[in-house]
Amino acid sequence: MTKEEEIRITLRLAASLRDKLSRAADGNERSMNGEIVARLENSFESNVDPKALTDAFAIAEDMRSRVEQQWNYLQEVERKLLEERKQISEQLRAKRAELAHHIWERRARVREELERKEERVREMRERYIARSEALQEREKELNDAIARFNAREKELGEVVRSLTKGADMLVKR
Protein backbone atom coordinates (compact mmCIF):
# COMPACT_ATOMS: atom_id res chain seq x y z
CA MET A 1 0.00 0.00 0.00
CA THR A 2 1.07 3.50 -0.70
CA LYS A 3 0.87 6.26 1.83
CA GLU A 4 -2.06 7.81 0.00
CA GLU A 5 -4.19 4.72 0.36
CA GLU A 6 -3.54 4.25 4.03
CA ILE A 7 -6.09 5.35 6.57
CA ARG A 8 -5.24 5.77 10.16
CA ILE A 9 -7.73 4.37 12.71
CA THR A 10 -7.79 4.14 16.45
CA LEU A 11 -8.48 0.69 17.82
CA ARG A 12 -9.38 -0.22 21.34
CA LEU A 13 -8.20 -3.71 22.45
CA ALA A 14 -8.19 -5.58 25.68
CA ALA A 15 -4.71 -5.71 27.18
CA SER A 16 -4.66 -9.51 26.95
CA LEU A 17 -5.52 -9.39 23.20
CA ARG A 18 -2.86 -6.72 22.62
CA ASP A 19 -0.32 -9.01 24.41
CA LYS A 20 -1.32 -11.95 22.21
CA LEU A 21 -0.95 -9.82 19.08
CA SER A 22 2.43 -8.57 20.29
CA ARG A 23 3.71 -12.11 20.88
CA ALA A 24 2.36 -13.23 17.48
CA ALA A 25 3.99 -10.22 15.77
CA ASP A 26 7.34 -11.03 17.40
CA GLY A 27 7.00 -14.69 16.38
CA ASN A 28 6.22 -13.71 12.76
CA GLU A 29 8.89 -10.96 12.78
CA ARG A 30 6.39 -8.19 12.00
CA SER A 31 5.30 -5.00 13.60
CA MET A 32 2.11 -4.93 15.63
CA ASN A 33 0.40 -3.04 12.79
CA GLY A 34 1.72 -5.56 10.23
CA GLU A 35 0.38 -8.44 12.31
CA ILE A 36 -3.11 -6.84 12.61
CA VAL A 37 -3.24 -6.07 8.87
CA ALA A 38 -2.07 -9.60 7.94
CA ARG A 39 -4.68 -11.16 10.16
CA LEU A 40 -7.46 -8.93 8.77
CA GLU A 41 -6.45 -9.67 5.18
CA ASN A 42 -6.40 -13.42 5.93
CA SER A 43 -9.90 -13.19 7.33
CA PHE A 44 -11.22 -11.71 4.06
CA GLU A 45 -9.34 -14.18 1.90
CA SER A 46 -10.90 -17.10 3.64
CA ASN A 47 -13.95 -18.63 2.00
CA VAL A 48 -15.18 -20.00 5.27
CA ASP A 49 -18.72 -19.28 6.24
CA PRO A 50 -18.73 -17.85 9.78
CA LYS A 51 -21.80 -19.97 10.65
CA ALA A 52 -20.02 -23.10 9.38
CA LEU A 53 -16.94 -22.11 11.33
CA THR A 54 -19.05 -21.63 14.47
CA ASP A 55 -20.67 -25.02 13.88
CA ALA A 56 -17.25 -26.59 13.32
CA PHE A 57 -16.00 -25.05 16.57
CA ALA A 58 -19.10 -26.37 18.36
CA ILE A 59 -18.46 -29.86 16.93
CA ALA A 60 -14.78 -29.63 17.86
CA GLU A 61 -15.72 -28.52 21.40
CA ASP A 62 -18.22 -31.40 21.65
CA MET A 63 -15.52 -33.83 20.47
CA ARG A 64 -13.03 -32.32 22.90
CA SER A 65 -15.56 -32.74 25.70
CA ARG A 66 -16.20 -36.37 24.72
CA VAL A 67 -12.48 -37.09 24.46
CA GLU A 68 -12.01 -35.52 27.89
CA GLN A 69 -14.83 -37.68 29.28
CA GLN A 70 -13.25 -40.76 27.71
CA TRP A 71 -9.87 -39.72 29.11
CA ASN A 72 -11.36 -39.30 32.57
CA TYR A 73 -13.09 -42.68 32.21
CA LEU A 74 -9.81 -44.33 31.14
CA GLN A 75 -7.99 -42.73 34.06
CA GLU A 76 -10.66 -44.06 36.44
CA VAL A 77 -10.40 -47.54 34.86
CA GLU A 78 -6.62 -47.38 35.16
CA ARG A 79 -6.90 -46.31 38.82
CA LYS A 80 -9.27 -49.20 39.54
CA LEU A 81 -6.99 -51.64 37.70
CA LEU A 82 -4.01 -50.43 39.71
CA GLU A 83 -5.99 -50.86 42.94
CA GLU A 84 -7.07 -54.34 41.87
CA ARG A 85 -3.51 -55.21 40.87
CA LYS A 86 -2.28 -53.98 44.26
CA GLN A 87 -4.91 -56.11 46.05
CA ILE A 88 -4.02 -59.15 43.95
CA SER A 89 -0.31 -58.58 44.63
CA GLU A 90 -1.00 -58.36 48.36
CA GLN A 91 -3.11 -61.53 48.20
CA LEU A 92 -0.33 -63.28 46.28
CA ARG A 93 2.24 -62.15 48.83
CA ALA A 94 0.05 -63.47 51.63
CA LYS A 95 -0.49 -66.78 49.80
CA ARG A 96 3.24 -67.09 49.12
CA ALA A 97 4.01 -66.44 52.78
CA GLU A 98 1.37 -68.96 53.83
CA LEU A 99 2.70 -71.52 51.36
CA ALA A 100 6.29 -70.92 52.44
CA HIS A 101 5.25 -71.37 56.08
CA HIS A 102 3.39 -74.56 55.18
CA ILE A 103 6.38 -75.87 53.24
CA TRP A 104 8.74 -75.10 56.14
CA GLU A 105 6.43 -76.84 58.59
CA ARG A 106 6.06 -79.84 56.27
CA ARG A 107 9.80 -79.91 55.71
CA ALA A 108 10.41 -79.90 59.47
CA ARG A 109 7.92 -82.75 59.96
CA VAL A 110 9.51 -84.74 57.14
CA ARG A 111 12.97 -84.10 58.58
CA GLU A 112 11.79 -85.28 62.01
CA GLU A 113 10.22 -88.38 60.46
CA LEU A 114 13.42 -89.10 58.54
CA GLU A 115 15.46 -88.70 61.71
CA ARG A 116 13.13 -91.13 63.53
CA LYS A 117 13.41 -93.62 60.68
CA GLU A 118 17.18 -93.24 60.56
CA GLU A 119 17.27 -93.89 64.32
CA ARG A 120 15.13 -97.01 63.84
CA VAL A 121 17.42 -98.17 61.03
CA ARG A 122 20.47 -97.63 63.28
CA GLU A 123 18.80 -99.57 66.07
CA MET A 124 17.84 -102.37 63.67
CA ARG A 125 21.38 -102.43 62.27
CA GLU A 126 22.82 -102.61 65.79
CA ARG A 127 20.41 -105.45 66.64
CA TYR A 128 21.27 -107.18 63.37
CA ILE A 129 24.99 -106.85 64.10
CA ALA A 130 24.49 -108.08 67.68
CA ARG A 131 22.37 -111.01 66.46
CA SER A 132 24.84 -111.73 63.70
CA GLU A 133 27.70 -111.73 66.21
CA ALA A 134 25.65 -113.93 68.56
CA LEU A 135 24.86 -116.31 65.70
CA GLN A 136 28.51 -116.42 64.71
CA GLU A 137 29.42 -117.16 68.32
CA ARG A 138 26.70 -119.82 68.49
CA GLU A 139 27.88 -121.28 65.17
CA LYS A 140 31.43 -121.41 66.52
CA GLU A 141 30.18 -123.13 69.66
CA LEU A 142 28.21 -125.61 67.54
CA ASN A 143 31.23 -126.26 65.33
CA ASP A 144 33.34 -126.84 68.46
CA ALA A 145 30.62 -129.16 69.86
CA ILE A 146 30.49 -131.03 66.54
CA ALA A 147 34.28 -131.32 66.53
CA ARG A 148 34.18 -132.66 70.12
CA PHE A 149 31.32 -134.97 69.20
CA ASN A 150 33.29 -136.28 66.20
CA ALA A 151 36.37 -136.73 68.38
CA ARG A 152 34.28 -138.63 70.97
CA GLU A 153 32.66 -140.68 68.27
CA LYS A 154 36.08 -141.58 66.98
CA GLU A 155 37.21 -142.51 70.50
CA LEU A 156 34.05 -144.57 70.99
CA GLY A 157 34.66 -146.27 67.67
CA GLU A 158 38.14 -147.23 68.80
CA VAL A 159 36.82 -148.41 72.15
CA VAL A 160 34.15 -150.47 70.36
CA ARG A 161 36.77 -151.95 68.03
CA SER A 162 39.09 -152.74 70.89
CA LEU A 163 36.20 -154.30 72.78
CA THR A 164 35.17 -156.19 69.71
CA LYS A 165 38.73 -157.44 69.30
CA GLY A 166 38.83 -158.34 72.96
CA ALA A 167 35.51 -160.16 72.68
CA ASP A 168 36.66 -161.97 69.53
CA MET A 169 39.73 -163.07 71.37
CA LEU A 170 37.73 -164.33 74.25
CA VAL A 171 35.45 -166.22 71.97
CA LYS A 172 38.39 -167.78 70.15
CA ARG A 173 39.88 -168.96 73.31
C-alpha atoms as a PDB file:
ATOM      1  CA  MET A   1       0.000   0.000   0.000  1.00  0.00           C
ATOM      2  CA  THR A   2       1.070   3.501  -0.698  1.00  0.00           C
ATOM      3  CA  LYS A   3       0.868   6.265   1.829  1.00  0.00           C
ATOM      4  CA  GLU A   4      -2.057   7.807  -0.003  1.00  0.00           C
ATOM      5  CA  GLU A   5      -4.188   4.717   0.356  1.00  0.00           C
ATOM      6  CA  GLU A   6      -3.539   4.249   4.033  1.00  0.00           C
ATOM      7  CA  ILE A   7      -6.088   5.349   6.575  1.00  0.00           C
ATOM      8  CA  ARG A   8      -5.244   5.775  10.163  1.00  0.00           C
ATOM      9  CA  ILE A   9      -7.730   4.368  12.709  1.00  0.00           C
ATOM     10  CA  THR A  10      -7.789   4.136  16.448  1.00  0.00           C
ATOM     11  CA  LEU A  11      -8.480   0.692  17.815  1.00  0.00           C
ATOM     12  CA  ARG A  12      -9.384  -0.216  21.338  1.00  0.00           C
ATOM     13  CA  LEU A  13      -8.201  -3.709  22.452  1.00  0.00           C
ATOM     14  CA  ALA A  14      -8.190  -5.584  25.682  1.00  0.00           C
ATOM     15  CA  ALA A  15      -4.712  -5.714  27.182  1.00  0.00           C
ATOM     16  CA  SER A  16      -4.658  -9.511  26.951  1.00  0.00           C
ATOM     17  CA  LEU A  17      -5.523  -9.388  23.203  1.00  0.00           C
ATOM     18  CA  ARG A  18      -2.859  -6.722  22.621  1.00  0.00           C
ATOM     19  CA  ASP A  19      -0.323  -9.011  24.412  1.00  0.00           C
ATOM     20  CA  LYS A  20      -1.318 -11.948  22.213  1.00  0.00           C
ATOM     21  CA  LEU A  21      -0.954  -9.816  19.083  1.00  0.00           C
ATOM     22  CA  SER A  22       2.433  -8.573  20.289  1.00  0.00           C
ATOM     23  CA  ARG A  23       3.714 -12.113  20.875  1.00  0.00           C
ATOM     24  CA  ALA A  24       2.358 -13.234  17.475  1.00  0.00           C
ATOM     25  CA  ALA A  25       3.993 -10.224  15.770  1.00  0.00           C
ATOM     26  CA  ASP A  26       7.343 -11.032  17.403  1.00  0.00           C
ATOM     27  CA  GLY A  27       7.003 -14.689  16.378  1.00  0.00           C
ATOM     28  CA  ASN A  28       6.219 -13.707  12.762  1.00  0.00           C
ATOM     29  CA  GLU A  29       8.889 -10.958  12.782  1.00  0.00           C
ATOM     30  CA  ARG A  30       6.389  -8.188  12.001  1.00  0.00           C
ATOM     31  CA  SER A  31       5.301  -4.996  13.602  1.00  0.00           C
ATOM     32  CA  MET A  32       2.109  -4.930  15.634  1.00  0.00           C
ATOM     33  CA  ASN A  33       0.405  -3.041  12.787  1.00  0.00           C
ATOM     34  CA  GLY A  34       1.719  -5.560  10.228  1.00  0.00           C
ATOM     35  CA  GLU A  35       0.377  -8.436  12.313  1.00  0.00           C
ATOM     36  CA  ILE A  36      -3.113  -6.838  12.611  1.00  0.00           C
ATOM     37  CA  VAL A  37      -3.236  -6.067   8.870  1.00  0.00           C
ATOM     38  CA  ALA A  38      -2.067  -9.595   7.940  1.00  0.00           C
ATOM     39  CA  ARG A  39      -4.684 -11.162  10.163  1.00  0.00           C
ATOM     40  CA  LEU A  40      -7.465  -8.925   8.774  1.00  0.00           C
ATOM     41  CA  GLU A  41      -6.451  -9.671   5.184  1.00  0.00           C
ATOM     42  CA  ASN A  42      -6.399 -13.418   5.930  1.00  0.00           C
ATOM     43  CA  SER A  43      -9.904 -13.190   7.335  1.00  0.00           C
ATOM     44  CA  PHE A  44     -11.224 -11.708   4.056  1.00  0.00           C
ATOM     45  CA  GLU A  45      -9.337 -14.181   1.900  1.00  0.00           C
ATOM     46  CA  SER A  46     -10.899 -17.103   3.636  1.00  0.00           C
ATOM     47  CA  ASN A  47     -13.954 -18.625   2.002  1.00  0.00           C
ATOM     48  CA  VAL A  48     -15.176 -20.001   5.273  1.00  0.00           C
ATOM     49  CA  ASP A  49     -18.724 -19.283   6.243  1.00  0.00           C
ATOM     50  CA  PRO A  50     -18.734 -17.851   9.785  1.00  0.00           C
ATOM     51  CA  LYS A  51     -21.798 -19.966  10.650  1.00  0.00           C
ATOM     52  CA  ALA A  52     -20.024 -23.104   9.377  1.00  0.00           C
ATOM     53  CA  LEU A  53     -16.939 -22.108  11.335  1.00  0.00           C
ATOM     54  CA  THR A  54     -19.052 -21.634  14.467  1.00  0.00           C
ATOM     55  CA  ASP A  55     -20.671 -25.022  13.875  1.00  0.00           C
ATOM     56  CA  ALA A  56     -17.249 -26.588  13.324  1.00  0.00           C
ATOM     57  CA  PHE A  57     -16.000 -25.051  16.573  1.00  0.00           C
ATOM     58  CA  ALA A  58     -19.099 -26.375  18.355  1.00  0.00           C
ATOM     59  CA  ILE A  59     -18.462 -29.862  16.928  1.00  0.00           C
ATOM     60  CA  ALA A  60     -14.785 -29.628  17.864  1.00  0.00           C
ATOM     61  CA  GLU A  61     -15.721 -28.518  21.396  1.00  0.00           C
ATOM     62  CA  ASP A  62     -18.219 -31.400  21.653  1.00  0.00           C
ATOM     63  CA  MET A  63     -15.521 -33.834  20.469  1.00  0.00           C
ATOM     64  CA  ARG A  64     -13.026 -32.321  22.902  1.00  0.00           C
ATOM     65  CA  SER A  65     -15.560 -32.739  25.701  1.00  0.00           C
ATOM     66  CA  ARG A  66     -16.198 -36.370  24.718  1.00  0.00           C
ATOM     67  CA  VAL A  67     -12.483 -37.089  24.463  1.00  0.00           C
ATOM     68  CA  GLU A  68     -12.007 -35.522  27.895  1.00  0.00           C
ATOM     69  CA  GLN A  69     -14.831 -37.684  29.282  1.00  0.00           C
ATOM     70  CA  GLN A  70     -13.253 -40.763  27.710  1.00  0.00           C
ATOM     71  CA  TRP A  71      -9.870 -39.720  29.106  1.00  0.00           C
ATOM     72  CA  ASN A  72     -11.361 -39.303  32.571  1.00  0.00           C
ATOM     73  CA  TYR A  73     -13.091 -42.683  32.208  1.00  0.00           C
ATOM     74  CA  LEU A  74      -9.812 -44.327  31.138  1.00  0.00           C
ATOM     75  CA  GLN A  75      -7.988 -42.733  34.064  1.00  0.00           C
ATOM     76  CA  GLU A  76     -10.665 -44.061  36.441  1.00  0.00           C
ATOM     77  CA  VAL A  77     -10.400 -47.538  34.858  1.00  0.00           C
ATOM     78  CA  GLU A  78      -6.623 -47.376  35.159  1.00  0.00           C
ATOM     79  CA  ARG A  79      -6.896 -46.312  38.821  1.00  0.00           C
ATOM     80  CA  LYS A  80      -9.271 -49.203  39.541  1.00  0.00           C
ATOM     81  CA  LEU A  81      -6.987 -51.636  37.701  1.00  0.00           C
ATOM     82  CA  LEU A  82      -4.013 -50.426  39.713  1.00  0.00           C
ATOM     83  CA  GLU A  83      -5.991 -50.860  42.942  1.00  0.00           C
ATOM     84  CA  GLU A  84      -7.074 -54.339  41.870  1.00  0.00           C
ATOM     85  CA  ARG A  85      -3.509 -55.205  40.869  1.00  0.00           C
ATOM     86  CA  LYS A  86      -2.282 -53.980  44.257  1.00  0.00           C
ATOM     87  CA  GLN A  87      -4.907 -56.110  46.045  1.00  0.00           C
ATOM     88  CA  ILE A  88      -4.019 -59.149  43.947  1.00  0.00           C
ATOM     89  CA  SER A  89      -0.314 -58.577  44.631  1.00  0.00           C
ATOM     90  CA  GLU A  90      -0.996 -58.360  48.359  1.00  0.00           C
ATOM     91  CA  GLN A  91      -3.106 -61.533  48.202  1.00  0.00           C
ATOM     92  CA  LEU A  92      -0.326 -63.282  46.278  1.00  0.00           C
ATOM     93  CA  ARG A  93       2.241 -62.151  48.834  1.00  0.00           C
ATOM     94  CA  ALA A  94       0.046 -63.469  51.633  1.00  0.00           C
ATOM     95  CA  LYS A  95      -0.491 -66.780  49.802  1.00  0.00           C
ATOM     96  CA  ARG A  96       3.245 -67.087  49.120  1.00  0.00           C
ATOM     97  CA  ALA A  97       4.008 -66.439  52.780  1.00  0.00           C
ATOM     98  CA  GLU A  98       1.368 -68.964  53.826  1.00  0.00           C
ATOM     99  CA  LEU A  99       2.704 -71.520  51.357  1.00  0.00           C
ATOM    100  CA  ALA A 100       6.292 -70.915  52.441  1.00  0.00           C
ATOM    101  CA  HIS A 101       5.246 -71.367  56.077  1.00  0.00           C
ATOM    102  CA  HIS A 102       3.386 -74.565  55.184  1.00  0.00           C
ATOM    103  CA  ILE A 103       6.381 -75.866  53.237  1.00  0.00           C
ATOM    104  CA  TRP A 104       8.745 -75.104  56.141  1.00  0.00           C
ATOM    105  CA  GLU A 105       6.430 -76.841  58.590  1.00  0.00           C
ATOM    106  CA  ARG A 106       6.056 -79.836  56.271  1.00  0.00           C
ATOM    107  CA  ARG A 107       9.799 -79.909  55.705  1.00  0.00           C
ATOM    108  CA  ALA A 108      10.408 -79.897  59.470  1.00  0.00           C
ATOM    109  CA  ARG A 109       7.919 -82.747  59.955  1.00  0.00           C
ATOM    110  CA  VAL A 110       9.506 -84.743  57.139  1.00  0.00           C
ATOM    111  CA  ARG A 111      12.965 -84.097  58.580  1.00  0.00           C
ATOM    112  CA  GLU A 112      11.790 -85.275  62.007  1.00  0.00           C
ATOM    113  CA  GLU A 113      10.221 -88.375  60.457  1.00  0.00           C
ATOM    114  CA  LEU A 114      13.425 -89.097  58.540  1.00  0.00           C
ATOM    115  CA  GLU A 115      15.458 -88.701  61.709  1.00  0.00           C
ATOM    116  CA  ARG A 116      13.135 -91.126  63.531  1.00  0.00           C
ATOM    117  CA  LYS A 117      13.408 -93.621  60.678  1.00  0.00           C
ATOM    118  CA  GLU A 118      17.184 -93.244  60.565  1.00  0.00           C
ATOM    119  CA  GLU A 119      17.274 -93.888  64.316  1.00  0.00           C
ATOM    120  CA  ARG A 120      15.126 -97.007  63.843  1.00  0.00           C
ATOM    121  CA  VAL A 121      17.418 -98.174  61.034  1.00  0.00           C
ATOM    122  CA  ARG A 122      20.473 -97.629  63.280  1.00  0.00           C
ATOM    123  CA  GLU A 123      18.797 -99.570  66.068  1.00  0.00           C
ATOM    124  CA  MET A 124      17.843-102.375  63.670  1.00  0.00           C
ATOM    125  CA  ARG A 125      21.384-102.427  62.269  1.00  0.00           C
ATOM    126  CA  GLU A 126      22.824-102.608  65.785  1.00  0.00           C
ATOM    127  CA  ARG A 127      20.413-105.448  66.642  1.00  0.00           C
ATOM    128  CA  TYR A 128      21.275-107.176  63.375  1.00  0.00           C
ATOM    129  CA  ILE A 129      24.990-106.846  64.098  1.00  0.00           C
ATOM    130  CA  ALA A 130      24.488-108.077  67.678  1.00  0.00           C
ATOM    131  CA  ARG A 131      22.375-111.014  66.463  1.00  0.00           C
ATOM    132  CA  SER A 132      24.842-111.729  63.703  1.00  0.00           C
ATOM    133  CA  GLU A 133      27.699-111.729  66.209  1.00  0.00           C
ATOM    134  CA  ALA A 134      25.655-113.927  68.562  1.00  0.00           C
ATOM    135  CA  LEU A 135      24.864-116.311  65.704  1.00  0.00           C
ATOM    136  CA  GLN A 136      28.513-116.421  64.706  1.00  0.00           C
ATOM    137  CA  GLU A 137      29.416-117.163  68.324  1.00  0.00           C
ATOM    138  CA  ARG A 138      26.701-119.816  68.489  1.00  0.00           C
ATOM    139  CA  GLU A 139      27.875-121.281  65.170  1.00  0.00           C
ATOM    140  CA  LYS A 140      31.432-121.412  66.518  1.00  0.00           C
ATOM    141  CA  GLU A 141      30.177-123.125  69.659  1.00  0.00           C
ATOM    142  CA  LEU A 142      28.211-125.613  67.539  1.00  0.00           C
ATOM    143  CA  ASN A 143      31.228-126.258  65.328  1.00  0.00           C
ATOM    144  CA  ASP A 144      33.337-126.835  68.464  1.00  0.00           C
ATOM    145  CA  ALA A 145      30.624-129.156  69.856  1.00  0.00           C
ATOM    146  CA  ILE A 146      30.493-131.034  66.538  1.00  0.00           C
ATOM    147  CA  ALA A 147      34.276-131.317  66.526  1.00  0.00           C
ATOM    148  CA  ARG A 148      34.183-132.658  70.119  1.00  0.00           C
ATOM    149  CA  PHE A 149      31.323-134.973  69.200  1.00  0.00           C
ATOM    150  CA  ASN A 150      33.293-136.281  66.199  1.00  0.00           C
ATOM    151  CA  ALA A 151      36.373-136.726  68.384  1.00  0.00           C
ATOM    152  CA  ARG A 152      34.277-138.634  70.974  1.00  0.00           C
ATOM    153  CA  GLU A 153      32.662-140.682  68.266  1.00  0.00           C
ATOM    154  CA  LYS A 154      36.083-141.579  66.984  1.00  0.00           C
ATOM    155  CA  GLU A 155      37.212-142.506  70.503  1.00  0.00           C
ATOM    156  CA  LEU A 156      34.054-144.570  70.992  1.00  0.00           C
ATOM    157  CA  GLY A 157      34.662-146.268  67.669  1.00  0.00           C
ATOM    158  CA  GLU A 158      38.144-147.227  68.802  1.00  0.00           C
ATOM    159  CA  VAL A 159      36.818-148.412  72.153  1.00  0.00           C
ATOM    160  CA  VAL A 160      34.147-150.468  70.359  1.00  0.00           C
ATOM    161  CA  ARG A 161      36.771-151.947  68.031  1.00  0.00           C
ATOM    162  CA  SER A 162      39.090-152.740  70.888  1.00  0.00           C
ATOM    163  CA  LEU A 163      36.202-154.303  72.782  1.00  0.00           C
ATOM    164  CA  THR A 164      35.172-156.188  69.707  1.00  0.00           C
ATOM    165  CA  LYS A 165      38.727-157.439  69.297  1.00  0.00           C
ATOM    166  CA  GLY A 166      38.831-158.338  72.958  1.00  0.00           C
ATOM    167  CA  ALA A 167      35.515-160.160  72.679  1.00  0.00           C
ATOM    168  CA  ASP A 168      36.656-161.965  69.529  1.00  0.00           C
ATOM    169  CA  MET A 169      39.734-163.069  71.368  1.00  0.00           C
ATOM    170  CA  LEU A 170      37.730-164.329  74.252  1.00  0.00           C
ATOM    171  CA  VAL A 171      35.446-166.223  71.968  1.00  0.00           C
ATOM    172  CA  LYS A 172      38.389-167.777  70.149  1.00  0.00           C
ATOM    173  CA  ARG A 173      39.881-168.959  73.314  1.00  0.00           C
END
